[in-house]
PDB file of N, CA and C in Angstrom:
ATOM      1  N   UNK A   1       0.852  -1.171   0.000  1.00  0.00           N
ATOM      2  CA  UNK A   1       0.000   0.000   0.000  1.00  0.00           C
ATOM      3  C   UNK A   1       0.901   1.239   0.000  1.00  0.00           C
ATOM      4  N   UNK A   2       0.499   2.239  -0.742  1.00  0.00           N
ATOM      5  CA  UNK A   2       1.253   3.490  -0.716  1.00  0.00           C
ATOM      6  C   UNK A   2       0.420   4.566  -0.007  1.00  0.00           C
ATOM      7  N   UNK A   3       0.987   5.760   0.099  1.00  0.00           N
ATOM      8  CA  UNK A   3       0.325   6.842   0.824  1.00  0.00           C
ATOM      9  C   UNK A   3      -1.030   7.197   0.222  1.00  0.00           C
ATOM     10  N   UNK A   4      -1.124   7.199  -1.109  1.00  0.00           N
ATOM     11  CA  UNK A   4      -2.385   7.560  -1.756  1.00  0.00           C
ATOM     12  C   UNK A   4      -3.463   6.516  -1.473  1.00  0.00           C
ATOM     13  N   UNK A   5      -3.085   5.249  -1.515  1.00  0.00           N
ATOM     14  CA  UNK A   5      -4.046   4.178  -1.218  1.00  0.00           C
ATOM     15  C   UNK A   5      -4.533   4.262   0.230  1.00  0.00           C
ATOM     16  N   UNK A   6      -3.630   4.575   1.148  1.00  0.00           N
ATOM     17  CA  UNK A   6      -4.009   4.736   2.551  1.00  0.00           C
ATOM     18  C   UNK A   6      -4.970   5.912   2.703  1.00  0.00           C
ATOM     19  N   UNK A   7      -4.650   7.023   2.053  1.00  0.00           N
ATOM     20  CA  UNK A   7      -5.535   8.189   2.113  1.00  0.00           C
ATOM     21  C   UNK A   7      -6.919   7.858   1.559  1.00  0.00           C
ATOM     22  N   UNK A   8      -6.965   7.178   0.414  1.00  0.00           N
ATOM     23  CA  UNK A   8      -8.249   6.815  -0.193  1.00  0.00           C
ATOM     24  C   UNK A   8      -9.068   5.896   0.711  1.00  0.00           C
ATOM     25  N   UNK A   9      -8.384   5.012   1.439  1.00  0.00           N
ATOM     26  CA  UNK A   9      -9.067   4.096   2.345  1.00  0.00           C
ATOM     27  C   UNK A   9      -9.691   4.842   3.531  1.00  0.00           C
ATOM     28  N   UNK A  10      -9.055   5.939   3.937  1.00  0.00           N
ATOM     29  CA  UNK A  10      -9.508   6.676   5.117  1.00  0.00           C
ATOM     30  C   UNK A  10     -10.451   7.838   4.804  1.00  0.00           C
ATOM     31  N   UNK A  11     -10.482   8.298   3.564  1.00  0.00           N
ATOM     32  CA  UNK A  11     -11.324   9.443   3.181  1.00  0.00           C
ATOM     33  C   UNK A  11     -12.776   9.323   3.617  1.00  0.00           C
ATOM     34  N   UNK A  12     -13.396   8.138   3.525  1.00  0.00           N
ATOM     35  CA  UNK A  12     -14.799   8.046   3.941  1.00  0.00           C
ATOM     36  C   UNK A  12     -15.030   8.406   5.420  1.00  0.00           C
ATOM     37  N   UNK A  13     -13.969   8.427   6.218  1.00  0.00           N
ATOM     38  CA  UNK A  13     -14.093   8.696   7.650  1.00  0.00           C
ATOM     39  C   UNK A  13     -13.854  10.160   8.007  1.00  0.00           C
ATOM     40  N   UNK A  14     -13.435  10.980   7.039  1.00  0.00           N
ATOM     41  CA  UNK A  14     -13.177  12.389   7.301  1.00  0.00           C
ATOM     42  C   UNK A  14     -11.972  12.882   6.528  1.00  0.00           C
ATOM     43  N   UNK A  15     -11.646  14.146   6.744  1.00  0.00           N
ATOM     44  CA  UNK A  15     -10.522  14.773   6.042  1.00  0.00           C
ATOM     45  C   UNK A  15      -9.201  14.173   6.508  1.00  0.00           C
ATOM     46  N   UNK A  16      -8.404  13.683   5.560  1.00  0.00           N
ATOM     47  CA  UNK A  16      -7.095  13.115   5.850  1.00  0.00           C
ATOM     48  C   UNK A  16      -6.059  14.219   5.655  1.00  0.00           C
ATOM     49  N   UNK A  17      -5.378  14.586   6.715  1.00  0.00           N
ATOM     50  CA  UNK A  17      -4.384  15.661   6.646  1.00  0.00           C
ATOM     51  C   UNK A  17      -3.096  15.167   5.993  1.00  0.00           C
ATOM     52  N   UNK A  18      -2.629  13.992   6.408  1.00  0.00           N
ATOM     53  CA  UNK A  18      -1.404  13.451   5.812  1.00  0.00           C
ATOM     54  C   UNK A  18      -1.339  11.949   6.042  1.00  0.00           C
ATOM     55  N   UNK A  19      -0.560  11.284   5.194  1.00  0.00           N
ATOM     56  CA  UNK A  19      -0.305   9.858   5.346  1.00  0.00           C
ATOM     57  C   UNK A  19       1.180   9.605   5.119  1.00  0.00           C
ATOM     58  N   UNK A  20       1.664   8.528   5.723  1.00  0.00           N
ATOM     59  CA  UNK A  20       3.068   8.155   5.546  1.00  0.00           C
ATOM     60  C   UNK A  20       3.187   6.648   5.718  1.00  0.00           C
ATOM     61  N   UNK A  21       3.918   6.019   4.825  1.00  0.00           N
ATOM     62  CA  UNK A  21       4.197   4.588   4.885  1.00  0.00           C
ATOM     63  C   UNK A  21       5.691   4.428   5.171  1.00  0.00           C
ATOM     64  N   UNK A  22       6.028   3.616   6.169  1.00  0.00           N
ATOM     65  CA  UNK A  22       7.442   3.349   6.440  1.00  0.00           C
ATOM     66  C   UNK A  22       7.947   2.320   5.448  1.00  0.00           C
ATOM     67  N   UNK A  23       9.147   2.566   4.903  1.00  0.00           N
ATOM     68  CA  UNK A  23       9.739   1.681   3.904  1.00  0.00           C
ATOM     69  C   UNK A  23      11.145   1.272   4.311  1.00  0.00           C
ATOM     70  N   UNK A  24      11.581   0.127   3.798  1.00  0.00           N
ATOM     71  CA  UNK A  24      12.951  -0.315   4.055  1.00  0.00           C
ATOM     72  C   UNK A  24      13.906   0.393   3.094  1.00  0.00           C
ATOM     73  N   UNK A  25      15.181   0.041   3.151  1.00  0.00           N
ATOM     74  CA  UNK A  25      16.198   0.706   2.328  1.00  0.00           C
ATOM     75  C   UNK A  25      15.933   0.537   0.834  1.00  0.00           C
ATOM     76  N   UNK A  26      15.192  -0.511   0.450  1.00  0.00           N
ATOM     77  CA  UNK A  26      14.879  -0.748  -0.959  1.00  0.00           C
ATOM     78  C   UNK A  26      13.568  -0.097  -1.384  1.00  0.00           C
ATOM     79  N   UNK A  27      12.932   0.619  -0.463  1.00  0.00           N
ATOM     80  CA  UNK A  27      11.681   1.288  -0.793  1.00  0.00           C
ATOM     81  C   UNK A  27      10.450   0.412  -0.662  1.00  0.00           C
ATOM     82  N   UNK A  28      10.615  -0.791  -0.097  1.00  0.00           N
ATOM     83  CA  UNK A  28       9.490  -1.706   0.088  1.00  0.00           C
ATOM     84  C   UNK A  28       8.807  -1.403   1.423  1.00  0.00           C
ATOM     85  N   UNK A  29       7.470  -1.358   1.404  1.00  0.00           N
ATOM     86  CA  UNK A  29       6.710  -1.073   2.615  1.00  0.00           C
ATOM     87  C   UNK A  29       7.077  -2.044   3.731  1.00  0.00           C
ATOM     88  N   UNK A  30       7.220  -1.503   4.941  1.00  0.00           N
ATOM     89  CA  UNK A  30       7.491  -2.337   6.111  1.00  0.00           C
ATOM     90  C   UNK A  30       6.186  -2.764   6.794  1.00  0.00           C
ATOM     91  N   UNK A  31       5.053  -2.412   6.186  1.00  0.00           N
ATOM     92  CA  UNK A  31       3.771  -2.799   6.763  1.00  0.00           C
ATOM     93  C   UNK A  31       3.321  -1.884   7.888  1.00  0.00           C
ATOM     94  N   UNK A  32       3.909  -0.687   7.933  1.00  0.00           N
ATOM     95  CA  UNK A  32       3.555   0.286   8.965  1.00  0.00           C
ATOM     96  C   UNK A  32       3.213   1.599   8.281  1.00  0.00           C
ATOM     97  N   UNK A  33       2.099   2.179   8.679  1.00  0.00           N
ATOM     98  CA  UNK A  33       1.703   3.460   8.105  1.00  0.00           C
ATOM     99  C   UNK A  33       1.129   4.376   9.171  1.00  0.00           C
ATOM    100  N   UNK A  34       1.149   5.659   8.873  1.00  0.00           N
ATOM    101  CA  UNK A  34       0.616   6.675   9.771  1.00  0.00           C
ATOM    102  C   UNK A  34      -0.347   7.559   8.994  1.00  0.00           C
ATOM    103  N   UNK A  35      -1.371   8.021   9.667  1.00  0.00           N
ATOM    104  CA  UNK A  35      -2.311   8.961   9.051  1.00  0.00           C
ATOM    105  C   UNK A  35      -2.699   9.998  10.087  1.00  0.00           C
ATOM    106  N   UNK A  36      -2.795  11.232   9.633  1.00  0.00           N
ATOM    107  CA  UNK A  36      -3.299  12.324  10.479  1.00  0.00           C
ATOM    108  C   UNK A  36      -4.668  12.696   9.944  1.00  0.00           C
ATOM    109  N   UNK A  37      -5.642  12.694  10.839  1.00  0.00           N
ATOM    110  CA  UNK A  37      -7.012  13.024  10.469  1.00  0.00           C
ATOM    111  C   UNK A  37      -7.349  14.411  11.025  1.00  0.00           C
ATOM    112  N   UNK A  38      -8.523  14.914  10.651  1.00  0.00           N
ATOM    113  CA  UNK A  38      -8.921  16.260  11.031  1.00  0.00           C
ATOM    114  C   UNK A  38      -9.219  16.425  12.520  1.00  0.00           C
ATOM    115  N   UNK A  39      -9.521  15.338  13.212  1.00  0.00           N
ATOM    116  CA  UNK A  39      -9.829  15.457  14.642  1.00  0.00           C
ATOM    117  C   UNK A  39      -9.573  14.131  15.357  1.00  0.00           C
ATOM    118  N   UNK A  40      -9.462  14.211  16.664  1.00  0.00           N
ATOM    119  CA  UNK A  40      -9.297  13.020  17.485  1.00  0.00           C
ATOM    120  C   UNK A  40     -10.497  12.098  17.324  1.00  0.00           C
ATOM    121  N   UNK A  41     -11.685  12.693  17.225  1.00  0.00           N
ATOM    122  CA  UNK A  41     -12.904  11.887  17.080  1.00  0.00           C
ATOM    123  C   UNK A  41     -12.867  11.066  15.799  1.00  0.00           C
ATOM    124  N   UNK A  42     -12.402  11.665  14.706  1.00  0.00           N
ATOM    125  CA  UNK A  42     -12.296  10.933  13.438  1.00  0.00           C
ATOM    126  C   UNK A  42     -11.286   9.797  13.575  1.00  0.00           C
ATOM    127  N   UNK A  43     -10.200  10.048  14.282  1.00  0.00           N
ATOM    128  CA  UNK A  43      -9.196   9.000  14.511  1.00  0.00           C
ATOM    129  C   UNK A  43      -9.797   7.839  15.287  1.00  0.00           C
ATOM    130  N   UNK A  44     -10.592   8.157  16.311  1.00  0.00           N
ATOM    131  CA  UNK A  44     -11.209   7.099  17.111  1.00  0.00           C
ATOM    132  C   UNK A  44     -12.124   6.223  16.260  1.00  0.00           C
ATOM    133  N   UNK A  45     -12.868   6.835  15.336  1.00  0.00           N
ATOM    134  CA  UNK A  45     -13.753   6.074  14.454  1.00  0.00           C
ATOM    135  C   UNK A  45     -12.929   5.156  13.542  1.00  0.00           C
ATOM    136  N   UNK A  46     -11.832   5.684  12.988  1.00  0.00           N
ATOM    137  CA  UNK A  46     -10.957   4.888  12.120  1.00  0.00           C
ATOM    138  C   UNK A  46     -10.393   3.704  12.904  1.00  0.00           C
ATOM    139  N   UNK A  47      -9.921   3.965  14.114  1.00  0.00           N
ATOM    140  CA  UNK A  47      -9.335   2.899  14.938  1.00  0.00           C
ATOM    141  C   UNK A  47     -10.382   1.827  15.219  1.00  0.00           C
ATOM    142  N   UNK A  48     -11.587   2.236  15.614  1.00  0.00           N
ATOM    143  CA  UNK A  48     -12.643   1.264  15.899  1.00  0.00           C
ATOM    144  C   UNK A  48     -12.991   0.437  14.661  1.00  0.00           C
ATOM    145  N   UNK A  49     -12.986   1.077  13.500  1.00  0.00           N
ATOM    146  CA  UNK A  49     -13.364   0.395  12.266  1.00  0.00           C
ATOM    147  C   UNK A  49     -12.316  -0.614  11.795  1.00  0.00           C
ATOM    148  N   UNK A  50     -11.034  -0.268  11.889  1.00  0.00           N
ATOM    149  CA  UNK A  50      -9.980  -1.093  11.295  1.00  0.00           C
ATOM    150  C   UNK A  50      -9.208  -1.980  12.273  1.00  0.00           C
ATOM    151  N   UNK A  51      -9.157  -1.624  13.555  1.00  0.00           N
ATOM    152  CA  UNK A  51      -8.337  -2.390  14.490  1.00  0.00           C
ATOM    153  C   UNK A  51      -8.838  -3.834  14.591  1.00  0.00           C
ATOM    154  N   UNK A  52      -7.913  -4.767  14.438  1.00  0.00           N
ATOM    155  CA  UNK A  52      -8.243  -6.183  14.540  1.00  0.00           C
ATOM    156  C   UNK A  52      -8.829  -6.788  13.278  1.00  0.00           C
ATOM    157  N   UNK A  53      -8.925  -6.010  12.217  1.00  0.00           N
ATOM    158  CA  UNK A  53      -9.504  -6.503  10.959  1.00  0.00           C
ATOM    159  C   UNK A  53      -8.383  -6.852   9.970  1.00  0.00           C
ATOM    160  N   UNK A  54      -8.761  -7.595   8.953  1.00  0.00           N
ATOM    161  CA  UNK A  54      -7.861  -7.909   7.844  1.00  0.00           C
ATOM    162  C   UNK A  54      -8.311  -7.129   6.623  1.00  0.00           C
ATOM    163  N   UNK A  55      -7.370  -6.614   5.848  1.00  0.00           N
ATOM    164  CA  UNK A  55      -7.684  -5.942   4.595  1.00  0.00           C
ATOM    165  C   UNK A  55      -7.632  -6.955   3.464  1.00  0.00           C
ATOM    166  N   UNK A  56      -8.478  -6.738   2.452  1.00  0.00           N
ATOM    167  CA  UNK A  56      -8.400  -7.595   1.262  1.00  0.00           C
ATOM    168  C   UNK A  56      -7.078  -7.310   0.560  1.00  0.00           C
ATOM    169  N   UNK A  57      -6.435  -8.372   0.107  1.00  0.00           N
ATOM    170  CA  UNK A  57      -5.176  -8.197  -0.625  1.00  0.00           C
ATOM    171  C   UNK A  57      -5.414  -8.516  -2.092  1.00  0.00           C
ATOM    172  N   UNK A  58      -4.709  -7.813  -2.972  1.00  0.00           N
ATOM    173  CA  UNK A  58      -4.859  -8.073  -4.407  1.00  0.00           C
ATOM    174  C   UNK A  58      -4.414  -9.495  -4.746  1.00  0.00           C
ATOM    175  N   UNK A  59      -4.914 -10.037  -5.863  1.00  0.00           N
ATOM    176  CA  UNK A  59      -4.484 -11.382  -6.291  1.00  0.00           C
ATOM    177  C   UNK A  59      -2.966 -11.444  -6.430  1.00  0.00           C
ATOM    178  N   UNK A  60      -2.396 -12.521  -5.947  1.00  0.00           N
ATOM    179  CA  UNK A  60      -0.945 -12.710  -6.051  1.00  0.00           C
ATOM    180  C   UNK A  60      -0.174 -12.171  -4.864  1.00  0.00           C
ATOM    181  N   UNK A  61      -0.842 -11.428  -3.985  1.00  0.00           N
ATOM    182  CA  UNK A  61      -0.172 -10.908  -2.787  1.00  0.00           C
ATOM    183  C   UNK A  61      -0.652 -11.727  -1.599  1.00  0.00           C
ATOM    184  N   UNK A  62       0.278 -12.318  -0.844  1.00  0.00           N
ATOM    185  CA  UNK A  62      -0.143 -13.156   0.278  1.00  0.00           C
ATOM    186  C   UNK A  62      -0.896 -12.353   1.339  1.00  0.00           C
ATOM    187  N   UNK A  63      -1.893 -12.975   1.924  1.00  0.00           N
ATOM    188  CA  UNK A  63      -2.656 -12.322   2.996  1.00  0.00           C
ATOM    189  C   UNK A  63      -1.769 -12.207   4.231  1.00  0.00           C
ATOM    190  N   UNK A  64      -1.923 -11.133   5.001  1.00  0.00           N
ATOM    191  CA  UNK A  64      -1.097 -10.975   6.218  1.00  0.00           C
ATOM    192  C   UNK A  64      -1.430 -12.059   7.242  1.00  0.00           C
ATOM    193  N   UNK A  65      -0.444 -12.409   8.037  1.00  0.00           N
ATOM    194  CA  UNK A  65      -0.642 -13.453   9.049  1.00  0.00           C
ATOM    195  C   UNK A  65      -1.351 -12.912  10.281  1.00  0.00           C
ATOM    196  N   UNK A  66      -1.304 -11.599  10.487  1.00  0.00           N
ATOM    197  CA  UNK A  66      -1.929 -10.992  11.664  1.00  0.00           C
ATOM    198  C   UNK A  66      -2.873  -9.877  11.233  1.00  0.00           C
ATOM    199  N   UNK A  67      -3.911  -9.606  12.047  1.00  0.00           N
ATOM    200  CA  UNK A  67      -4.827  -8.509  11.721  1.00  0.00           C
ATOM    201  C   UNK A  67      -4.154  -7.158  11.925  1.00  0.00           C
ATOM    202  N   UNK A  68      -4.807  -6.120  11.437  1.00  0.00           N
ATOM    203  CA  UNK A  68      -4.296  -4.761  11.620  1.00  0.00           C
ATOM    204  C   UNK A  68      -4.260  -4.384  13.094  1.00  0.00           C
ATOM    205  N   UNK A  69      -3.245  -3.649  13.463  1.00  0.00           N
ATOM    206  CA  UNK A  69      -3.163  -3.035  14.777  1.00  0.00           C
ATOM    207  C   UNK A  69      -3.272  -1.541  14.536  1.00  0.00           C
ATOM    208  N   UNK A  70      -4.381  -0.953  14.906  1.00  0.00           N
ATOM    209  CA  UNK A  70      -4.615   0.478  14.711  1.00  0.00           C
ATOM    210  C   UNK A  70      -4.700   1.142  16.067  1.00  0.00           C
ATOM    211  N   UNK A  71      -3.913   2.187  16.249  1.00  0.00           N
ATOM    212  CA  UNK A  71      -3.884   2.887  17.531  1.00  0.00           C
ATOM    213  C   UNK A  71      -3.373   4.298  17.312  1.00  0.00           C
ATOM    214  N   UNK A  72      -3.499   5.119  18.353  1.00  0.00           N
ATOM    215  CA  UNK A  72      -2.898   6.440  18.298  1.00  0.00           C
ATOM    216  C   UNK A  72      -1.391   6.252  18.352  1.00  0.00           C
ATOM    217  N   UNK A  73      -0.665   7.049  17.584  1.00  0.00           N
ATOM    218  CA  UNK A  73       0.799   6.948  17.558  1.00  0.00           C
ATOM    219  C   UNK A  73       1.364   7.314  18.919  1.00  0.00           C
ATOM    220  N   UNK A  74       2.403   6.597  19.314  1.00  0.00           N
ATOM    221  CA  UNK A  74       3.105   6.963  20.533  1.00  0.00           C
ATOM    222  C   UNK A  74       3.838   8.260  20.256  1.00  0.00           C
ATOM    223  N   UNK A  75       3.726   9.205  21.158  1.00  0.00           N
ATOM    224  CA  UNK A  75       4.430  10.463  20.944  1.00  0.00           C
ATOM    225  C   UNK A  75       3.560  11.646  21.254  1.00  0.00           C
ATOM    226  N   UNK A  76       3.901  12.767  20.653  1.00  0.00           N
ATOM    227  CA  UNK A  76       3.160  13.992  20.896  1.00  0.00           C
ATOM    228  C   UNK A  76       3.458  14.550  22.268  1.00  0.00           C
ATOM    229  N   UNK A  77       2.500  15.281  22.818  1.00  0.00           N
ATOM    230  CA  UNK A  77       2.700  15.957  24.103  1.00  0.00           C
ATOM    231  C   UNK A  77       3.054  14.985  25.216  1.00  0.00           C
ATOM    232  N   UNK A  78       2.377  13.855  25.306  1.00  0.00           N
ATOM    233  CA  UNK A  78       2.636  12.915  26.392  1.00  0.00           C
ATOM    234  C   UNK A  78       4.085  12.455  26.367  1.00  0.00           C
ATOM    235  N   UNK A  79       4.593  12.133  25.180  1.00  0.00           N
ATOM    236  CA  UNK A  79       5.965  11.662  25.073  1.00  0.00           C
ATOM    237  C   UNK A  79       6.933  12.790  25.430  1.00  0.00           C
ATOM    238  N   UNK A  80       6.656  14.001  24.960  1.00  0.00           N
ATOM    239  CA  UNK A  80       7.541  15.132  25.252  1.00  0.00           C
ATOM    240  C   UNK A  80       7.619  15.410  26.744  1.00  0.00           C
ATOM    241  N   UNK A  81       6.495  15.246  27.445  1.00  0.00           N
ATOM    242  CA  UNK A  81       6.489  15.517  28.884  1.00  0.00           C
ATOM    243  C   UNK A  81       7.377  14.534  29.629  1.00  0.00           C
ATOM    244  N   UNK A  82       7.512  13.307  29.099  1.00  0.00           N
ATOM    245  CA  UNK A  82       8.307  12.289  29.762  1.00  0.00           C
ATOM    246  C   UNK A  82       9.785  12.340  29.395  1.00  0.00           C
ATOM    247  N   UNK A  83      10.136  13.091  28.383  1.00  0.00           N
ATOM    248  CA  UNK A  83      11.534  13.167  27.972  1.00  0.00           C
ATOM    249  C   UNK A  83      12.221  14.320  28.684  1.00  0.00           C
ATOM    250  N   UNK A  84      13.499  14.126  29.004  1.00  0.00           N
ATOM    251  CA  UNK A  84      14.236  15.216  29.627  1.00  0.00           C
ATOM    252  C   UNK A  84      14.554  16.272  28.569  1.00  0.00           C
ATOM    253  N   UNK A  85      14.654  17.490  29.011  1.00  0.00           N
ATOM    254  CA  UNK A  85      14.956  18.597  28.108  1.00  0.00           C
ATOM    255  C   UNK A  85      16.384  18.459  27.581  1.00  0.00           C
ATOM    256  N   UNK A  86      16.588  18.971  26.383  1.00  0.00           N
ATOM    257  CA  UNK A  86      17.950  19.043  25.864  1.00  0.00           C
ATOM    258  C   UNK A  86      18.719  20.022  26.745  1.00  0.00           C
ATOM    259  N   UNK A  87      19.998  19.796  26.894  1.00  0.00           N
ATOM    260  CA  UNK A  87      20.787  20.769  27.645  1.00  0.00           C
ATOM    261  C   UNK A  87      21.843  21.358  26.732  1.00  0.00           C
ATOM    262  N   UNK A  88      22.085  22.628  26.916  1.00  0.00           N
ATOM    263  CA  UNK A  88      23.102  23.337  26.156  1.00  0.00           C
ATOM    264  C   UNK A  88      23.842  24.197  27.166  1.00  0.00           C
ATOM    265  N   UNK A  89      25.133  23.971  27.326  1.00  0.00           N
ATOM    266  CA  UNK A  89      25.941  24.689  28.308  1.00  0.00           C
ATOM    267  C   UNK A  89      25.354  24.545  29.710  1.00  0.00           C
ATOM    268  N   UNK A  90      24.814  23.344  30.006  1.00  0.00           N
ATOM    269  CA  UNK A  90      24.300  23.074  31.349  1.00  0.00           C
ATOM    270  C   UNK A  90      22.932  23.674  31.641  1.00  0.00           C
ATOM    271  N   UNK A  91      22.335  24.370  30.665  1.00  0.00           N
ATOM    272  CA  UNK A  91      21.020  24.980  30.880  1.00  0.00           C
ATOM    273  C   UNK A  91      19.975  24.254  30.046  1.00  0.00           C
ATOM    274  N   UNK A  92      18.731  24.182  30.548  1.00  0.00           N
ATOM    275  CA  UNK A  92      17.675  23.554  29.735  1.00  0.00           C
ATOM    276  C   UNK A  92      17.515  24.288  28.414  1.00  0.00           C
ATOM    277  N   UNK A  93      17.304  23.528  27.376  1.00  0.00           N
ATOM    278  CA  UNK A  93      17.134  24.080  26.034  1.00  0.00           C
ATOM    279  C   UNK A  93      15.812  23.570  25.508  1.00  0.00           C
ATOM    280  N   UNK A  94      14.751  24.401  25.505  1.00  0.00           N
ATOM    281  CA  UNK A  94      13.416  23.925  25.130  1.00  0.00           C
ATOM    282  C   UNK A  94      13.355  23.495  23.666  1.00  0.00           C
ATOM    283  N   UNK A  95      12.444  22.546  23.408  1.00  0.00           N
ATOM    284  CA  UNK A  95      12.208  22.116  22.035  1.00  0.00           C
ATOM    285  C   UNK A  95      11.470  23.222  21.286  1.00  0.00           C
ATOM    286  N   UNK A  96      11.478  23.118  19.971  1.00  0.00           N
ATOM    287  CA  UNK A  96      10.761  24.077  19.133  1.00  0.00           C
ATOM    288  C   UNK A  96       9.290  24.093  19.551  1.00  0.00           C
ATOM    289  N   UNK A  97       8.741  25.273  19.742  1.00  0.00           N
ATOM    290  CA  UNK A  97       7.344  25.403  20.102  1.00  0.00           C
ATOM    291  C   UNK A  97       7.107  25.449  21.607  1.00  0.00           C
ATOM    292  N   UNK A  98       8.124  25.125  22.395  1.00  0.00           N
ATOM    293  CA  UNK A  98       7.999  25.183  23.847  1.00  0.00           C
ATOM    294  C   UNK A  98       8.542  26.505  24.349  1.00  0.00           C
ATOM    295  N   UNK A  99       7.994  26.987  25.427  1.00  0.00           N
ATOM    296  CA  UNK A  99       8.444  28.252  25.999  1.00  0.00           C
ATOM    297  C   UNK A  99       9.369  27.940  27.157  1.00  0.00           C
ATOM    298  N   UNK A 100      10.501  28.612  27.183  1.00  0.00           N
ATOM    299  CA  UNK A 100      11.452  28.422  28.262  1.00  0.00           C
ATOM    300  C   UNK A 100      10.928  29.068  29.532  1.00  0.00           C
ATOM    301  N   UNK A 101      11.100  28.421  30.694  1.00  0.00           N
ATOM    302  CA  UNK A 101      10.597  29.000  31.940  1.00  0.00           C
ATOM    303  C   UNK A 101      11.399  30.204  32.412  1.00  0.00           C
ATOM    304  N   UNK A 102      12.476  30.531  31.731  1.00  0.00           N
ATOM    305  CA  UNK A 102      13.316  31.654  32.173  1.00  0.00           C
ATOM    306  C   UNK A 102      12.709  32.982  31.804  1.00  0.00           C
TER     307      UNK A 102
END
């Protein structure tokens, strides 16, 4: 599956902001993809619809051995809160978009 196919699959659930497929060094899909939807609610609907399901595969392509695992991506604010700040010259160095407490 490529990014366009992923977007087309998700369009019925709402506006797709972006899609990304992880690939190996040869450009072959690693079976992992990401999609950003217009809202958290739309994401929840997509997750409920696809999680634990199998997708139809085209003729000649083997069916996957495991069902889809659909979830919110690890990361974002929660992950940033758990990571230590970068330090520069012994002082905290905020990430882009963060305000320094100084």
